[in-house]
Amino acid sequence: MADHDRERDVFDAVADPTRRRLIQLLSEAEELPLHELTVHFPMGRTAVSKHLAILKEAGLVQDRKVGRETRYRLNASPLREIQDWVSFYSKFWSASLLRLRQLLEEEGE
């Protein structure tokens, strides 16, 4: 799925702790059915399905039918957008902290 085809912002999708946990669980397995995901949460299958639908809209989850069961797998490529955003600010803070350290060392001399 191309980035421009996504219906939901990836930042919005990962803002919820339940969805972040789903991403983690899916990253640890090749593919998981809904009932195996649901046991990790204090909510029913319908609620977990809604969270998975949001992740799917953001392109983070793919699903496929196997008989009557739907299996889910992680598509981590949209997370690159978050990584790039965080990386920019990581560089900003590294440079700022380096300048602060230099200033403190100059004042200490």
PDB file of N, CA and C in Angstrom:
ATOM      1  N   MET A   1       0.842  -1.175   0.000  1.00  0.00           N
ATOM      2  CA  MET A   1       0.000   0.000   0.000  1.00  0.00           C
ATOM      3  C   MET A   1       0.886   1.235   0.000  1.00  0.00           C
ATOM      4  N   ALA A   2       0.672   2.111  -0.930  1.00  0.00           N
ATOM      5  CA  ALA A   2       1.447   3.340  -1.015  1.00  0.00           C
ATOM      6  C   ALA A   2       1.067   4.277   0.121  1.00  0.00           C
ATOM      7  N   ASP A   3       2.037   5.123   0.516  1.00  0.00           N
ATOM      8  CA  ASP A   3       1.782   6.051   1.619  1.00  0.00           C
ATOM      9  C   ASP A   3       0.578   6.942   1.350  1.00  0.00           C
ATOM     10  N   HIS A   4       0.406   7.390   0.092  1.00  0.00           N
ATOM     11  CA  HIS A   4      -0.702   8.310  -0.201  1.00  0.00           C
ATOM     12  C   HIS A   4      -2.052   7.602  -0.187  1.00  0.00           C
ATOM     13  N   ASP A   5      -2.064   6.271  -0.176  1.00  0.00           N
ATOM     14  CA  ASP A   5      -3.322   5.530  -0.150  1.00  0.00           C
ATOM     15  C   ASP A   5      -3.831   5.296   1.274  1.00  0.00           C
ATOM     16  N   ARG A   6      -3.014   5.545   2.257  1.00  0.00           N
ATOM     17  CA  ARG A   6      -3.433   5.303   3.632  1.00  0.00           C
ATOM     18  C   ARG A   6      -4.546   6.244   4.030  1.00  0.00           C
ATOM     19  N   GLU A   7      -5.471   5.726   4.808  1.00  0.00           N
ATOM     20  CA  GLU A   7      -6.604   6.533   5.247  1.00  0.00           C
ATOM     21  C   GLU A   7      -6.350   7.193   6.606  1.00  0.00           C
ATOM     22  N   ARG A   8      -5.448   6.651   7.388  1.00  0.00           N
ATOM     23  CA  ARG A   8      -5.231   7.154   8.738  1.00  0.00           C
ATOM     24  C   ARG A   8      -3.753   7.479   8.923  1.00  0.00           C
ATOM     25  N   ASP A   9      -3.493   8.545   9.638  1.00  0.00           N
ATOM     26  CA  ASP A   9      -2.141   8.974   9.946  1.00  0.00           C
ATOM     27  C   ASP A   9      -1.463   7.951  10.849  1.00  0.00           C
ATOM     28  N   VAL A  10      -0.230   7.595  10.532  1.00  0.00           N
ATOM     29  CA  VAL A  10       0.486   6.593  11.314  1.00  0.00           C
ATOM     30  C   VAL A  10       0.721   7.072  12.754  1.00  0.00           C
ATOM     31  N   PHE A  11       0.916   8.367  12.945  1.00  0.00           N
ATOM     32  CA  PHE A  11       1.101   8.904  14.302  1.00  0.00           C
ATOM     33  C   PHE A  11      -0.176   8.721  15.123  1.00  0.00           C
ATOM     34  N   ASP A  12      -1.300   8.951  14.508  1.00  0.00           N
ATOM     35  CA  ASP A  12      -2.587   8.750  15.164  1.00  0.00           C
ATOM     36  C   ASP A  12      -2.763   7.269  15.516  1.00  0.00           C
ATOM     37  N   ALA A  13      -2.388   6.407  14.614  1.00  0.00           N
ATOM     38  CA  ALA A  13      -2.566   4.971  14.838  1.00  0.00           C
ATOM     39  C   ALA A  13      -1.740   4.462  16.016  1.00  0.00           C
ATOM     40  N   VAL A  14      -0.535   4.967  16.185  1.00  0.00           N
ATOM     41  CA  VAL A  14       0.320   4.466  17.267  1.00  0.00           C
ATOM     42  C   VAL A  14       0.170   5.264  18.561  1.00  0.00           C
ATOM     43  N   ALA A  15      -0.718   6.243  18.571  1.00  0.00           N
ATOM     44  CA  ALA A  15      -0.906   7.078  19.766  1.00  0.00           C
ATOM     45  C   ALA A  15      -1.533   6.308  20.917  1.00  0.00           C
ATOM     46  N   ASP A  16      -2.254   5.258  20.621  1.00  0.00           N
ATOM     47  CA  ASP A  16      -2.963   4.504  21.653  1.00  0.00           C
ATOM     48  C   ASP A  16      -2.095   3.350  22.175  1.00  0.00           C
ATOM     49  N   PRO A  17      -2.002   3.173  23.508  1.00  0.00           N
ATOM     50  CA  PRO A  17      -1.165   2.100  24.067  1.00  0.00           C
ATOM     51  C   PRO A  17      -1.615   0.697  23.650  1.00  0.00           C
ATOM     52  N   THR A  18      -2.898   0.498  23.457  1.00  0.00           N
ATOM     53  CA  THR A  18      -3.371  -0.815  23.018  1.00  0.00           C
ATOM     54  C   THR A  18      -2.849  -1.123  21.627  1.00  0.00           C
ATOM     55  N   ARG A  19      -2.858  -0.138  20.753  1.00  0.00           N
ATOM     56  CA  ARG A  19      -2.367  -0.360  19.396  1.00  0.00           C
ATOM     57  C   ARG A  19      -0.858  -0.547  19.378  1.00  0.00           C
ATOM     58  N   ARG A  20      -0.151   0.156  20.252  1.00  0.00           N
ATOM     59  CA  ARG A  20       1.296  -0.060  20.337  1.00  0.00           C
ATOM     60  C   ARG A  20       1.594  -1.477  20.815  1.00  0.00           C
ATOM     61  N   ARG A  21       0.804  -1.976  21.748  1.00  0.00           N
ATOM     62  CA  ARG A  21       0.978  -3.351  22.222  1.00  0.00           C
ATOM     63  C   ARG A  21       0.661  -4.354  21.104  1.00  0.00           C
ATOM     64  N   LEU A  22      -0.364  -4.087  20.312  1.00  0.00           N
ATOM     65  CA  LEU A  22      -0.678  -4.955  19.179  1.00  0.00           C
ATOM     66  C   LEU A  22       0.489  -4.992  18.194  1.00  0.00           C
ATOM     67  N   ILE A  23       1.077  -3.836  17.932  1.00  0.00           N
ATOM     68  CA  ILE A  23       2.243  -3.783  17.044  1.00  0.00           C
ATOM     69  C   ILE A  23       3.371  -4.631  17.611  1.00  0.00           C
ATOM     70  N   GLN A  24       3.598  -4.519  18.905  1.00  0.00           N
ATOM     71  CA  GLN A  24       4.648  -5.312  19.546  1.00  0.00           C
ATOM     72  C   GLN A  24       4.364  -6.805  19.400  1.00  0.00           C
ATOM     73  N   LEU A  25       3.150  -7.219  19.703  1.00  0.00           N
ATOM     74  CA  LEU A  25       2.796  -8.636  19.600  1.00  0.00           C
ATOM     75  C   LEU A  25       2.964  -9.146  18.171  1.00  0.00           C
ATOM     76  N   LEU A  26       2.537  -8.360  17.214  1.00  0.00           N
ATOM     77  CA  LEU A  26       2.666  -8.781  15.821  1.00  0.00           C
ATOM     78  C   LEU A  26       4.113  -8.780  15.353  1.00  0.00           C
ATOM     79  N   SER A  27       4.940  -7.931  15.938  1.00  0.00           N
ATOM     80  CA  SER A  27       6.355  -7.922  15.563  1.00  0.00           C
ATOM     81  C   SER A  27       7.084  -9.162  16.072  1.00  0.00           C
ATOM     82  N   GLU A  28       6.537  -9.780  17.093  1.00  0.00           N
ATOM     83  CA  GLU A  28       7.164 -10.964  17.681  1.00  0.00           C
ATOM     84  C   GLU A  28       6.705 -12.262  17.032  1.00  0.00           C
ATOM     85  N   ALA A  29       5.744 -12.182  16.135  1.00  0.00           N
ATOM     86  CA  ALA A  29       5.209 -13.373  15.470  1.00  0.00           C
ATOM     87  C   ALA A  29       5.054 -13.066  13.986  1.00  0.00           C
ATOM     88  N   GLU A  30       5.117 -14.093  13.178  1.00  0.00           N
ATOM     89  CA  GLU A  30       4.921 -13.877  11.746  1.00  0.00           C
ATOM     90  C   GLU A  30       3.486 -13.464  11.450  1.00  0.00           C
ATOM     91  N   GLU A  31       2.560 -14.120  12.143  1.00  0.00           N
ATOM     92  CA  GLU A  31       1.143 -13.888  11.888  1.00  0.00           C
ATOM     93  C   GLU A  31       0.353 -14.412  13.088  1.00  0.00           C
ATOM     94  N   LEU A  32      -0.701 -13.691  13.481  1.00  0.00           N
ATOM     95  CA  LEU A  32      -1.512 -14.122  14.612  1.00  0.00           C
ATOM     96  C   LEU A  32      -2.994 -13.956  14.308  1.00  0.00           C
ATOM     97  N   PRO A  33      -3.798 -14.923  14.724  1.00  0.00           N
ATOM     98  CA  PRO A  33      -5.245 -14.772  14.585  1.00  0.00           C
ATOM     99  C   PRO A  33      -5.793 -13.878  15.699  1.00  0.00           C
ATOM    100  N   LEU A  34      -6.983 -13.360  15.489  1.00  0.00           N
ATOM    101  CA  LEU A  34      -7.611 -12.455  16.443  1.00  0.00           C
ATOM    102  C   LEU A  34      -7.705 -13.060  17.842  1.00  0.00           C
ATOM    103  N   HIS A  35      -8.098 -14.308  17.959  1.00  0.00           N
ATOM    104  CA  HIS A  35      -8.286 -14.887  19.296  1.00  0.00           C
ATOM    105  C   HIS A  35      -6.975 -14.962  20.079  1.00  0.00           C
ATOM    106  N   GLU A  36      -5.845 -15.120  19.386  1.00  0.00           N
ATOM    107  CA  GLU A  36      -4.555 -15.135  20.092  1.00  0.00           C
ATOM    108  C   GLU A  36      -4.120 -13.733  20.512  1.00  0.00           C
ATOM    109  N   LEU A  37      -4.538 -12.735  19.783  1.00  0.00           N
ATOM    110  CA  LEU A  37      -4.236 -11.356  20.162  1.00  0.00           C
ATOM    111  C   LEU A  37      -5.116 -10.906  21.323  1.00  0.00           C
ATOM    112  N   THR A  38      -6.361 -11.293  21.294  1.00  0.00           N
ATOM    113  CA  THR A  38      -7.340 -10.838  22.285  1.00  0.00           C
ATOM    114  C   THR A  38      -6.968 -11.247  23.704  1.00  0.00           C
ATOM    115  N   VAL A  39      -6.338 -12.403  23.888  1.00  0.00           N
ATOM    116  CA  VAL A  39      -6.014 -12.869  25.242  1.00  0.00           C
ATOM    117  C   VAL A  39      -5.042 -11.944  25.970  1.00  0.00           C
ATOM    118  N   HIS A  40      -4.387 -11.055  25.251  1.00  0.00           N
ATOM    119  CA  HIS A  40      -3.410 -10.143  25.855  1.00  0.00           C
ATOM    120  C   HIS A  40      -4.024  -8.840  26.364  1.00  0.00           C
ATOM    121  N   PHE A  41      -5.349  -8.706  26.229  1.00  0.00           N
ATOM    122  CA  PHE A  41      -5.995  -7.441  26.567  1.00  0.00           C
ATOM    123  C   PHE A  41      -7.229  -7.653  27.437  1.00  0.00           C
ATOM    124  N   PRO A  42      -7.526  -6.667  28.298  1.00  0.00           N
ATOM    125  CA  PRO A  42      -8.729  -6.763  29.147  1.00  0.00           C
ATOM    126  C   PRO A  42      -9.963  -6.234  28.415  1.00  0.00           C
ATOM    127  N   MET A  43     -10.147  -6.673  27.182  1.00  0.00           N
ATOM    128  CA  MET A  43     -11.281  -6.236  26.367  1.00  0.00           C
ATOM    129  C   MET A  43     -11.672  -7.380  25.452  1.00  0.00           C
ATOM    130  N   GLY A  44     -12.817  -7.258  24.859  1.00  0.00           N
ATOM    131  CA  GLY A  44     -13.324  -8.312  23.997  1.00  0.00           C
ATOM    132  C   GLY A  44     -12.755  -8.263  22.589  1.00  0.00           C
ATOM    133  N   ARG A  45     -13.135  -9.263  21.809  1.00  0.00           N
ATOM    134  CA  ARG A  45     -12.673  -9.389  20.430  1.00  0.00           C
ATOM    135  C   ARG A  45     -13.093  -8.192  19.569  1.00  0.00           C
ATOM    136  N   THR A  46     -14.277  -7.670  19.814  1.00  0.00           N
ATOM    137  CA  THR A  46     -14.762  -6.547  19.010  1.00  0.00           C
ATOM    138  C   THR A  46     -13.873  -5.318  19.198  1.00  0.00           C
ATOM    139  N   ALA A  47     -13.509  -5.043  20.439  1.00  0.00           N
ATOM    140  CA  ALA A  47     -12.651  -3.891  20.720  1.00  0.00           C
ATOM    141  C   ALA A  47     -11.266  -4.073  20.107  1.00  0.00           C
ATOM    142  N   VAL A  48     -10.710  -5.264  20.236  1.00  0.00           N
ATOM    143  CA  VAL A  48      -9.400  -5.538  19.642  1.00  0.00           C
ATOM    144  C   VAL A  48      -9.496  -5.411  18.114  1.00  0.00           C
ATOM    145  N   SER A  49     -10.582  -5.906  17.544  1.00  0.00           N
ATOM    146  CA  SER A  49     -10.787  -5.788  16.094  1.00  0.00           C
ATOM    147  C   SER A  49     -10.817  -4.337  15.646  1.00  0.00           C
ATOM    148  N   LYS A  50     -11.428  -3.477  16.445  1.00  0.00           N
ATOM    149  CA  LYS A  50     -11.478  -2.055  16.098  1.00  0.00           C
ATOM    150  C   LYS A  50     -10.077  -1.438  16.102  1.00  0.00           C
ATOM    151  N   HIS A  51      -9.271  -1.820  17.075  1.00  0.00           N
ATOM    152  CA  HIS A  51      -7.889  -1.328  17.114  1.00  0.00           C
ATOM    153  C   HIS A  51      -7.102  -1.844  15.908  1.00  0.00           C
ATOM    154  N   LEU A  52      -7.300  -3.095  15.560  1.00  0.00           N
ATOM    155  CA  LEU A  52      -6.625  -3.656  14.391  1.00  0.00           C
ATOM    156  C   LEU A  52      -7.063  -2.953  13.113  1.00  0.00           C
ATOM    157  N   ALA A  53      -8.333  -2.578  13.029  1.00  0.00           N
ATOM    158  CA  ALA A  53      -8.836  -1.868  11.853  1.00  0.00           C
ATOM    159  C   ALA A  53      -8.150  -0.512  11.701  1.00  0.00           C
ATOM    160  N   ILE A  54      -7.917   0.168  12.811  1.00  0.00           N
ATOM    161  CA  ILE A  54      -7.222   1.458  12.767  1.00  0.00           C
ATOM    162  C   ILE A  54      -5.784   1.267  12.303  1.00  0.00           C
ATOM    163  N   LEU A  55      -5.129   0.231  12.816  1.00  0.00           N
ATOM    164  CA  LEU A  55      -3.763  -0.065  12.374  1.00  0.00           C
ATOM    165  C   LEU A  55      -3.747  -0.433  10.891  1.00  0.00           C
ATOM    166  N   LYS A  56      -4.756  -1.139  10.455  1.00  0.00           N
ATOM    167  CA  LYS A  56      -4.856  -1.517   9.044  1.00  0.00           C
ATOM    168  C   LYS A  56      -5.050  -0.279   8.164  1.00  0.00           C
ATOM    169  N   GLU A  57      -5.892   0.661   8.601  1.00  0.00           N
ATOM    170  CA  GLU A  57      -6.113   1.903   7.857  1.00  0.00           C
ATOM    171  C   GLU A  57      -4.828   2.707   7.702  1.00  0.00           C
ATOM    172  N   ALA A  58      -3.942   2.599   8.676  1.00  0.00           N
ATOM    173  CA  ALA A  58      -2.663   3.308   8.628  1.00  0.00           C
ATOM    174  C   ALA A  58      -1.609   2.526   7.855  1.00  0.00           C
ATOM    175  N   GLY A  59      -1.968   1.344   7.388  1.00  0.00           N
ATOM    176  CA  GLY A  59      -1.026   0.526   6.634  1.00  0.00           C
ATOM    177  C   GLY A  59      -0.078  -0.276   7.489  1.00  0.00           C
ATOM    178  N   LEU A  60      -0.297  -0.277   8.809  1.00  0.00           N
ATOM    179  CA  LEU A  60       0.606  -0.977   9.726  1.00  0.00           C
ATOM    180  C   LEU A  60       0.293  -2.462   9.877  1.00  0.00           C
ATOM    181  N   VAL A  61      -0.904  -2.861   9.522  1.00  0.00           N
ATOM    182  CA  VAL A  61      -1.324  -4.257   9.677  1.00  0.00           C
ATOM    183  C   VAL A  61      -1.955  -4.726   8.369  1.00  0.00           C
ATOM    184  N   GLN A  62      -1.630  -5.944   8.024  1.00  0.00           N
ATOM    185  CA  GLN A  62      -2.264  -6.613   6.889  1.00  0.00           C
ATOM    186  C   GLN A  62      -3.004  -7.822   7.433  1.00  0.00           C
ATOM    187  N   ASP A  63      -4.081  -8.195   6.772  1.00  0.00           N
ATOM    188  CA  ASP A  63      -4.812  -9.374   7.227  1.00  0.00           C
ATOM    189  C   ASP A  63      -5.102 -10.290   6.054  1.00  0.00           C
ATOM    190  N   ARG A  64      -5.388 -11.541   6.377  1.00  0.00           N
ATOM    191  CA  ARG A  64      -5.786 -12.511   5.361  1.00  0.00           C
ATOM    192  C   ARG A  64      -6.696 -13.530   6.006  1.00  0.00           C
ATOM    193  N   LYS A  65      -7.620 -14.015   5.231  1.00  0.00           N
ATOM    194  CA  LYS A  65      -8.572 -15.022   5.705  1.00  0.00           C
ATOM    195  C   LYS A  65      -7.963 -16.411   5.521  1.00  0.00           C
ATOM    196  N   VAL A  66      -8.093 -17.221   6.552  1.00  0.00           N
ATOM    197  CA  VAL A  66      -7.722 -18.624   6.492  1.00  0.00           C
ATOM    198  C   VAL A  66      -8.938 -19.378   7.022  1.00  0.00           C
ATOM    199  N   GLY A  67      -9.755 -19.867   6.121  1.00  0.00           N
ATOM    200  CA  GLY A  67     -11.021 -20.466   6.524  1.00  0.00           C
ATOM    201  C   GLY A  67     -11.916 -19.398   7.119  1.00  0.00           C
ATOM    202  N   ARG A  68     -12.399 -19.646   8.333  1.00  0.00           N
ATOM    203  CA  ARG A  68     -13.256 -18.672   9.022  1.00  0.00           C
ATOM    204  C   ARG A  68     -12.455 -17.704   9.874  1.00  0.00           C
ATOM    205  N   GLU A  69     -11.154 -17.874   9.906  1.00  0.00           N
ATOM    206  CA  GLU A  69     -10.282 -17.092  10.785  1.00  0.00           C
ATOM    207  C   GLU A  69      -9.568 -15.997   9.990  1.00  0.00           C
ATOM    208  N   THR A  70      -9.404 -14.854  10.629  1.00  0.00           N
ATOM    209  CA  THR A  70      -8.604 -13.779  10.045  1.00  0.00           C
ATOM    210  C   THR A  70      -7.284 -13.726  10.779  1.00  0.00           C
ATOM    211  N   ARG A  71      -6.210 -13.735  10.038  1.00  0.00           N
ATOM    212  CA  ARG A  71      -4.872 -13.653  10.619  1.00  0.00           C
ATOM    213  C   ARG A  71      -4.256 -12.303  10.274  1.00  0.00           C
ATOM    214  N   TYR A  72      -3.509 -11.778  11.240  1.00  0.00           N
ATOM    215  CA  TYR A  72      -2.938 -10.447  11.109  1.00  0.00           C
ATOM    216  C   TYR A  72      -1.416 -10.521  11.139  1.00  0.00           C
ATOM    217  N   ARG A  73      -0.821  -9.632  10.362  1.00  0.00           N
ATOM    218  CA  ARG A  73       0.639  -9.522  10.367  1.00  0.00           C
ATOM    219  C   ARG A  73       1.036  -8.057  10.309  1.00  0.00           C
ATOM    220  N   LEU A  74       2.205  -7.775  10.831  1.00  0.00           N
ATOM    221  CA  LEU A  74       2.705  -6.404  10.888  1.00  0.00           C
ATOM    222  C   LEU A  74       3.318  -6.003   9.552  1.00  0.00           C
ATOM    223  N   ASN A  75       3.047  -4.797   9.131  1.00  0.00           N
ATOM    224  CA  ASN A  75       3.748  -4.161   8.020  1.00  0.00           C
ATOM    225  C   ASN A  75       4.437  -2.945   8.632  1.00  0.00           C
ATOM    226  N   ALA A  76       5.703  -3.087   8.975  1.00  0.00           N
ATOM    227  CA  ALA A  76       6.407  -2.056   9.740  1.00  0.00           C
ATOM    228  C   ALA A  76       6.864  -0.869   8.897  1.00  0.00           C
ATOM    229  N   SER A  77       6.783  -0.946   7.594  1.00  0.00           N
ATOM    230  CA  SER A  77       7.332   0.137   6.765  1.00  0.00           C
ATOM    231  C   SER A  77       6.739   1.521   7.063  1.00  0.00           C
ATOM    232  N   PRO A  78       5.435   1.660   7.384  1.00  0.00           N
ATOM    233  CA  PRO A  78       4.947   3.005   7.725  1.00  0.00           C
ATOM    234  C   PRO A  78       5.581   3.581   9.001  1.00  0.00           C
ATOM    235  N   LEU A  79       6.173   2.738   9.826  1.00  0.00           N
ATOM    236  CA  LEU A  79       6.831   3.238  11.038  1.00  0.00           C
ATOM    237  C   LEU A  79       8.071   4.067  10.697  1.00  0.00           C
ATOM    238  N   ARG A  80       8.549   3.955   9.463  1.00  0.00           N
ATOM    239  CA  ARG A  80       9.708   4.744   9.023  1.00  0.00           C
ATOM    240  C   ARG A  80       9.414   6.239   9.159  1.00  0.00           C
ATOM    241  N   GLU A  81       8.172   6.625   8.904  1.00  0.00           N
ATOM    242  CA  GLU A  81       7.776   8.037   9.032  1.00  0.00           C
ATOM    243  C   GLU A  81       8.010   8.529  10.464  1.00  0.00           C
ATOM    244  N   ILE A  82       7.674   7.706  11.439  1.00  0.00           N
ATOM    245  CA  ILE A  82       7.887   8.065  12.845  1.00  0.00           C
ATOM    246  C   ILE A  82       9.376   8.094  13.160  1.00  0.00           C
ATOM    247  N   GLN A  83      10.091   7.099  12.662  1.00  0.00           N
ATOM    248  CA  GLN A  83      11.533   7.040  12.896  1.00  0.00           C
ATOM    249  C   GLN A  83      12.227   8.287  12.335  1.00  0.00           C
ATOM    250  N   ASP A  84      11.836   8.699  11.139  1.00  0.00           N
ATOM    251  CA  ASP A  84      12.438   9.885  10.529  1.00  0.00           C
ATOM    252  C   ASP A  84      12.145  11.138  11.342  1.00  0.00           C
ATOM    253  N   TRP A  85      10.910  11.255  11.831  1.00  0.00           N
ATOM    254  CA  TRP A  85      10.526  12.417  12.620  1.00  0.00           C
ATOM    255  C   TRP A  85      11.313  12.474  13.930  1.00  0.00           C
ATOM    256  N   VAL A  86      11.388  11.337  14.615  1.00  0.00           N
ATOM    257  CA  VAL A  86      12.125  11.265  15.882  1.00  0.00           C
ATOM    258  C   VAL A  86      13.610  11.504  15.652  1.00  0.00           C
ATOM    259  N   SER A  87      14.131  10.982  14.549  1.00  0.00           N
ATOM    260  CA  SER A  87      15.548  11.153  14.232  1.00  0.00           C
ATOM    261  C   SER A  87      15.910  12.632  14.093  1.00  0.00           C
ATOM    262  N   PHE A  88      15.030  13.389  13.448  1.00  0.00           N
ATOM    263  CA  PHE A  88      15.286  14.828  13.304  1.00  0.00           C
ATOM    264  C   PHE A  88      15.441  15.487  14.668  1.00  0.00           C
ATOM    265  N   TYR A  89      14.528  15.192  15.579  1.00  0.00           N
ATOM    266  CA  TYR A  89      14.568  15.817  16.894  1.00  0.00           C
ATOM    267  C   TYR A  89      15.678  15.242  17.761  1.00  0.00           C
ATOM    268  N   SER A  90      16.061  14.028  17.516  1.00  0.00           N
ATOM    269  CA  SER A  90      17.193  13.445  18.227  1.00  0.00           C
ATOM    270  C   SER A  90      18.469  14.215  17.883  1.00  0.00           C
ATOM    271  N   LYS A  91      18.633  14.528  16.614  1.00  0.00           N
ATOM    272  CA  LYS A  91      19.791  15.330  16.193  1.00  0.00           C
ATOM    273  C   LYS A  91      19.736  16.719  16.823  1.00  0.00           C
ATOM    274  N   PHE A  92      18.544  17.305  16.870  1.00  0.00           N
ATOM    275  CA  PHE A  92      18.369  18.624  17.476  1.00  0.00           C
ATOM    276  C   PHE A  92      18.804  18.598  18.940  1.00  0.00           C
ATOM    277  N   TRP A  93      18.321  17.597  19.701  1.00  0.00           N
ATOM    278  CA  TRP A  93      18.647  17.543  21.117  1.00  0.00           C
ATOM    279  C   TRP A  93      20.109  17.206  21.338  1.00  0.00           C
ATOM    280  N   SER A  94      20.680  16.381  20.522  1.00  0.00           N
ATOM    281  CA  SER A  94      22.107  16.057  20.656  1.00  0.00           C
ATOM    282  C   SER A  94      22.948  17.312  20.470  1.00  0.00           C
ATOM    283  N   ALA A  95      22.626  18.094  19.453  1.00  0.00           N
ATOM    284  CA  ALA A  95      23.369  19.333  19.207  1.00  0.00           C
ATOM    285  C   ALA A  95      23.153  20.330  20.342  1.00  0.00           C
ATOM    286  N   SER A  96      21.934  20.441  20.820  1.00  0.00           N
ATOM    287  CA  SER A  96      21.633  21.376  21.912  1.00  0.00           C
ATOM    288  C   SER A  96      22.356  20.977  23.190  1.00  0.00           C
ATOM    289  N   LEU A  97      22.355  19.695  23.491  1.00  0.00           N
ATOM    290  CA  LEU A  97      23.035  19.235  24.703  1.00  0.00           C
ATOM    291  C   LEU A  97      24.545  19.393  24.591  1.00  0.00           C
ATOM    292  N   LEU A  98      25.086  19.211  23.398  1.00  0.00           N
ATOM    293  CA  LEU A  98      26.515  19.422  23.196  1.00  0.00           C
ATOM    294  C   LEU A  98      26.868  20.887  23.435  1.00  0.00           C
ATOM    295  N   ARG A  99      26.044  21.800  22.911  1.00  0.00           N
ATOM    296  CA  ARG A  99      26.292  23.233  23.145  1.00  0.00           C
ATOM    297  C   ARG A  99      26.187  23.574  24.627  1.00  0.00           C
ATOM    298  N   LEU A 100      25.215  22.985  25.317  1.00  0.00           N
ATOM    299  CA  LEU A 100      25.061  23.231  26.746  1.00  0.00           C
ATOM    300  C   LEU A 100      26.286  22.736  27.502  1.00  0.00           C
ATOM    301  N   ARG A 101      26.760  21.546  27.161  1.00  0.00           N
ATOM    302  CA  ARG A 101      27.944  21.008  27.847  1.00  0.00           C
ATOM    303  C   ARG A 101      29.156  21.907  27.624  1.00  0.00           C
ATOM    304  N   GLN A 102      29.330  22.395  26.391  1.00  0.00           N
ATOM    305  CA  GLN A 102      30.439  23.284  26.096  1.00  0.00           C
ATOM    306  C   GLN A 102      30.333  24.567  26.898  1.00  0.00           C
ATOM    307  N   LEU A 103      29.141  25.097  27.008  1.00  0.00           N
ATOM    308  CA  LEU A 103      28.915  26.338  27.769  1.00  0.00           C
ATOM    309  C   LEU A 103      29.243  26.115  29.242  1.00  0.00           C
ATOM    310  N   LEU A 104      28.783  24.989  29.792  1.00  0.00           N
ATOM    311  CA  LEU A 104      29.048  24.698  31.211  1.00  0.00           C
ATOM    312  C   LEU A 104      30.539  24.489  31.462  1.00  0.00           C
ATOM    313  N   GLU A 105      31.214  23.854  30.528  1.00  0.00           N
ATOM    314  CA  GLU A 105      32.659  23.661  30.685  1.00  0.00           C
ATOM    315  C   GLU A 105      33.400  24.985  30.624  1.00  0.00           C
ATOM    316  N   GLU A 106      32.962  25.884  29.746  1.00  0.00           N
ATOM    317  CA  GLU A 106      33.594  27.212  29.650  1.00  0.00           C
ATOM    318  C   GLU A 106      33.373  28.008  30.920  1.00  0.00           C
ATOM    319  N   GLU A 107      32.186  27.916  31.512  1.00  0.00           N
ATOM    320  CA  GLU A 107      31.897  28.641  32.752  1.00  0.00           C
ATOM    321  C   GLU A 107      32.672  28.059  33.921  1.00  0.00           C
ATOM    322  N   GLY A 108      32.945  26.744  33.873  1.00  0.00           N
ATOM    323  CA  GLY A 108      33.672  26.094  34.959  1.00  0.00           C
ATOM    324  C   GLY A 108      35.161  26.364  34.941  1.00  0.00           C
ATOM    325  N   GLU A 109      35.691  26.853  33.828  1.00  0.00           N
ATOM    326  CA  GLU A 109      37.135  27.104  33.727  1.00  0.00           C
ATOM    327  C   GLU A 109      37.571  28.374  34.387  1.00  0.00           C
TER     328      GLU A 109
END
